[in-house]
C-alpha atoms as a PDB file:
ATOM      1  CA  MET A   1    -118.333 -54.332  -2.000  1.00  0.00           C
ATOM      2  CA  SER A   2    -119.359 -56.144   1.113  1.00  0.00           C
ATOM      3  CA  SER A   3    -118.443 -59.693   1.912  1.00  0.00           C
ATOM      4  CA  THR A   4    -119.403 -61.620   4.992  1.00  0.00           C
ATOM      5  CA  VAL A   5    -117.941 -64.692   6.557  1.00  0.00           C
ATOM      6  CA  THR A   6    -120.075 -67.040   8.647  1.00  0.00           C
ATOM      7  CA  LEU A   7    -118.283 -69.136  11.245  1.00  0.00           C
ATOM      8  CA  SER A   8    -119.864 -72.188  12.825  1.00  0.00           C
ATOM      9  CA  SER A   9    -118.606 -73.629  16.082  1.00  0.00           C
ATOM     10  CA  GLY A  10    -119.846 -76.352  18.437  1.00  0.00           C
ATOM     11  CA  HIS A  11    -120.138 -80.136  18.785  1.00  0.00           C
ATOM     12  CA  ASP A  12    -123.518 -80.816  17.359  1.00  0.00           C
ATOM     13  CA  VAL A  13    -123.879 -79.062  14.023  1.00  0.00           C
ATOM     14  CA  GLU A  14    -127.658 -79.565  13.864  1.00  0.00           C
ATOM     15  CA  SER A  15    -128.450 -78.318  17.319  1.00  0.00           C
ATOM     16  CA  SER A  16    -126.079 -75.591  18.116  1.00  0.00           C
ATOM     17  CA  PHE A  17    -125.082 -73.142  15.514  1.00  0.00           C
ATOM     18  CA  LEU A  18    -123.216 -70.241  16.586  1.00  0.00           C
ATOM     19  CA  ASP A  19    -123.328 -67.818  13.750  1.00  0.00           C
ATOM     20  CA  THR A  20    -120.704 -65.243  13.801  1.00  0.00           C
ATOM     21  CA  THR A  21    -120.696 -62.824  10.996  1.00  0.00           C
ATOM     22  CA  LEU A  22    -117.697 -60.756  10.350  1.00  0.00           C
ATOM     23  CA  SER A  23    -117.945 -57.809   8.139  1.00  0.00           C
ATOM     24  CA  LEU A  24    -114.823 -57.406   6.107  1.00  0.00           C
ATOM     25  CA  SER A  25    -116.073 -54.514   4.082  1.00  0.00           C
ATOM     26  CA  SER A  26    -114.540 -51.860   6.329  1.00  0.00           C
ATOM     27  CA  ASP A  27    -111.417 -53.954   6.883  1.00  0.00           C
ATOM     28  CA  GLU A  28    -111.002 -54.451   3.138  1.00  0.00           C
ATOM     29  CA  GLN A  29    -111.508 -50.793   2.350  1.00  0.00           C
ATOM     30  CA  LYS A  30    -108.857 -49.610   4.788  1.00  0.00           C
ATOM     31  CA  PRO A  31    -106.042 -51.655   3.272  1.00  0.00           C
ATOM     32  CA  LYS A  32    -107.186 -50.811  -0.255  1.00  0.00           C
ATOM     33  CA  ALA A  33    -107.374 -47.121   0.584  1.00  0.00           C
ATOM     34  CA  ALA A  34    -104.075 -47.275   2.421  1.00  0.00           C
ATOM     35  CA  ASN A  35    -102.597 -49.337  -0.389  1.00  0.00           C
ATOM     36  CA  ALA A  36    -103.857 -46.872  -2.996  1.00  0.00           C
ATOM     37  CA  THR A  37    -102.543 -43.981  -0.940  1.00  0.00           C
ATOM     38  CA  SER A  38     -99.172 -45.603  -0.425  1.00  0.00           C
ATOM     39  CA  ARG A  39     -99.026 -46.563  -4.113  1.00  0.00           C
ATOM     40  CA  ALA A  40     -99.849 -42.978  -5.107  1.00  0.00           C
ATOM     41  CA  ALA A  41     -97.285 -41.676  -2.630  1.00  0.00           C
ATOM     42  CA  LEU A  42     -94.701 -44.121  -3.967  1.00  0.00           C
ATOM     43  CA  GLU A  43     -95.445 -43.090  -7.542  1.00  0.00           C
ATOM     44  CA  ARG A  44     -95.239 -39.422  -6.536  1.00  0.00           C
ATOM     45  CA  ARG A  45     -91.890 -39.990  -4.799  1.00  0.00           C
ATOM     46  CA  GLN A  46     -90.652 -41.871  -7.858  1.00  0.00           C
ATOM     47  CA  LEU A  47     -91.725 -39.023 -10.142  1.00  0.00           C
ATOM     48  CA  LEU A  48     -90.095 -36.449  -7.863  1.00  0.00           C
ATOM     49  CA  HIS A  49     -86.949 -38.565  -7.831  1.00  0.00           C
ATOM     50  CA  ASN A  50     -87.017 -38.753 -11.632  1.00  0.00           C
ATOM     51  CA  ILE A  51     -87.465 -34.976 -11.801  1.00  0.00           C
ATOM     52  CA  GLU A  52     -84.470 -34.492  -9.508  1.00  0.00           C
ATOM     53  CA  LEU A  53     -82.394 -36.835 -11.674  1.00  0.00           C
ATOM     54  CA  LEU A  54     -83.418 -34.897 -14.765  1.00  0.00           C
ATOM     55  CA  LYS A  55     -82.597 -31.589 -13.077  1.00  0.00           C
ATOM     56  CA  LEU A  56     -79.198 -32.961 -12.138  1.00  0.00           C
ATOM     57  CA  SER A  57     -78.644 -34.180 -15.688  1.00  0.00           C
ATOM     58  CA  VAL A  58     -79.639 -30.787 -17.093  1.00  0.00           C
ATOM     59  CA  SER A  59     -77.336 -29.061 -14.617  1.00  0.00           C
ATOM     60  CA  VAL A  60     -74.402 -31.290 -15.585  1.00  0.00           C
ATOM     61  CA  LYS A  61     -75.073 -30.733 -19.278  1.00  0.00           C
ATOM     62  CA  ASP A  62     -75.414 -26.990 -18.703  1.00  0.00           C
ATOM     63  CA  ASN A  63     -72.025 -26.981 -16.958  1.00  0.00           C
ATOM     64  CA  GLN A  64     -70.508 -28.967 -19.815  1.00  0.00           C
ATOM     65  CA  LEU A  65     -72.005 -26.520 -22.293  1.00  0.00           C
ATOM     66  CA  GLN A  66     -70.597 -23.561 -20.346  1.00  0.00           C
ATOM     67  CA  GLU A  67     -67.156 -25.213 -20.313  1.00  0.00           C
ATOM     68  CA  MET A  68     -67.397 -25.791 -24.053  1.00  0.00           C
ATOM     69  CA  LYS A  69     -68.440 -22.157 -24.597  1.00  0.00           C
ATOM     70  CA  ASN A  70     -65.520 -20.947 -22.480  1.00  0.00           C
ATOM     71  CA  ALA A  71     -63.081 -23.214 -24.315  1.00  0.00           C
ATOM     72  CA  HIS A  72     -64.458 -22.002 -27.647  1.00  0.00           C
ATOM     73  CA  ALA A  73     -64.133 -18.364 -26.551  1.00  0.00           C
ATOM     74  CA  VAL A  74     -60.516 -18.945 -25.499  1.00  0.00           C
ATOM     75  CA  HIS A  75     -59.800 -20.728 -28.774  1.00  0.00           C
ATOM     76  CA  ALA A  76     -61.447 -17.913 -30.755  1.00  0.00           C
ATOM     77  CA  GLU A  77     -59.408 -15.328 -28.828  1.00  0.00           C
ATOM     78  CA  ASP A  78     -56.182 -17.259 -29.468  1.00  0.00           C
ATOM     79  CA  THR A  79     -57.060 -17.572 -33.146  1.00  0.00           C
ATOM     80  CA  ALA A  80     -57.811 -13.844 -33.366  1.00  0.00           C
ATOM     81  CA  GLU A  81     -54.424 -13.086 -31.776  1.00  0.00           C
ATOM     82  CA  LYS A  82     -52.684 -15.420 -34.229  1.00  0.00           C
ATOM     83  CA  LEU A  83     -54.518 -13.744 -37.099  1.00  0.00           C
ATOM     84  CA  ALA A  84     -53.467 -10.306 -35.881  1.00  0.00           C
ATOM     85  CA  ASP A  85     -49.861 -11.510 -35.558  1.00  0.00           C
ATOM     86  CA  ALA A  86     -49.981 -13.037 -39.046  1.00  0.00           C
ATOM     87  CA  ARG A  87     -51.395  -9.825 -40.521  1.00  0.00           C
ATOM     88  CA  HIS A  88     -48.686  -7.799 -38.818  1.00  0.00           C
ATOM     89  CA  GLN A  89     -46.043 -10.207 -40.099  1.00  0.00           C
ATOM     90  CA  CYS A  90     -47.580  -9.929 -43.574  1.00  0.00           C
ATOM     91  CA  GLN A  91     -47.385  -6.131 -43.385  1.00  0.00           C
ATOM     92  CA  LEU A  92     -43.730  -6.328 -42.335  1.00  0.00           C
ATOM     93  CA  LEU A  93     -42.938  -8.715 -45.178  1.00  0.00           C
ATOM     94  CA  GLN A  94     -44.847  -6.508 -47.632  1.00  0.00           C
ATOM     95  CA  ALA A  95     -42.857  -3.493 -46.449  1.00  0.00           C
ATOM     96  CA  ARG A  96     -39.584  -5.414 -46.847  1.00  0.00           C
ATOM     97  CA  LEU A  97     -40.637  -6.574 -50.312  1.00  0.00           C
ATOM     98  CA  ASN A  98     -41.547  -3.027 -51.308  1.00  0.00           C
ATOM     99  CA  PHE A  99     -38.215  -1.769 -49.981  1.00  0.00           C
ATOM    100  CA  CYS A 100     -36.288  -4.488 -51.831  1.00  0.00           C
ATOM    101  CA  THR A 101     -38.221  -3.872 -55.049  1.00  0.00           C
ATOM    102  CA  GLN A 102     -37.662  -0.147 -54.781  1.00  0.00           C
ATOM    103  CA  SER A 103     -33.962  -0.694 -54.051  1.00  0.00           C
ATOM    104  CA  GLN A 104     -33.601  -2.982 -57.062  1.00  0.00           C
ATOM    105  CA  GLN A 105     -35.375  -0.488 -59.309  1.00  0.00           C
ATOM    106  CA  GLU A 106     -33.100   2.283 -58.089  1.00  0.00           C
ATOM    107  CA  GLU A 107     -30.086   0.029 -58.638  1.00  0.00           C
ATOM    108  CA  LYS A 108     -31.327  -0.758 -62.148  1.00  0.00           C
ATOM    109  CA  VAL A 109     -31.789   2.924 -62.947  1.00  0.00           C
ATOM    110  CA  ARG A 110     -28.242   3.715 -61.719  1.00  0.00           C
ATOM    111  CA  TYR A 111     -26.818   0.823 -63.694  1.00  0.00           C
ATOM    112  CA  GLU A 112     -28.584   1.982 -66.840  1.00  0.00           C
ATOM    113  CA  GLN A 113     -27.321   5.523 -66.287  1.00  0.00           C
ATOM    114  CA  ARG A 114     -23.760   4.244 -65.939  1.00  0.00           C
ATOM    115  CA  LEU A 115     -24.147   2.276 -69.145  1.00  0.00           C
ATOM    116  CA  ARG A 116     -25.380   5.371 -70.964  1.00  0.00           C
ATOM    117  CA  THR A 117     -22.537   7.497 -69.670  1.00  0.00           C
ATOM    118  CA  MET A 118     -20.010   4.914 -70.860  1.00  0.00           C
ATOM    119  CA  ASP A 119     -21.322   4.962 -74.374  1.00  0.00           C
END
């Protein structure tokens, strides 16, 4: 893409033409090439910046996920301890119930024996 500019200078247009031709083709290509290069570099920097933002976002979310996992593990451990305590308490209560039931049955048997001996 070549464009030329012709400049005329002088007092008498018919007699003295001073033709000066400037070639802008090389001057136009340099800014376009530089512009394209700087645009590509800008786009590349923008993409790299976006990648860094995404990496940061992923890192933050990964940390949040780790915190949630840790909190869940602690909660699960606490719940397991409570379950173990409840089972132990249940065993103690079952033992007490068995003891009370056995004691009442023994008391009933003794009472019945006393009634029989009185008759």
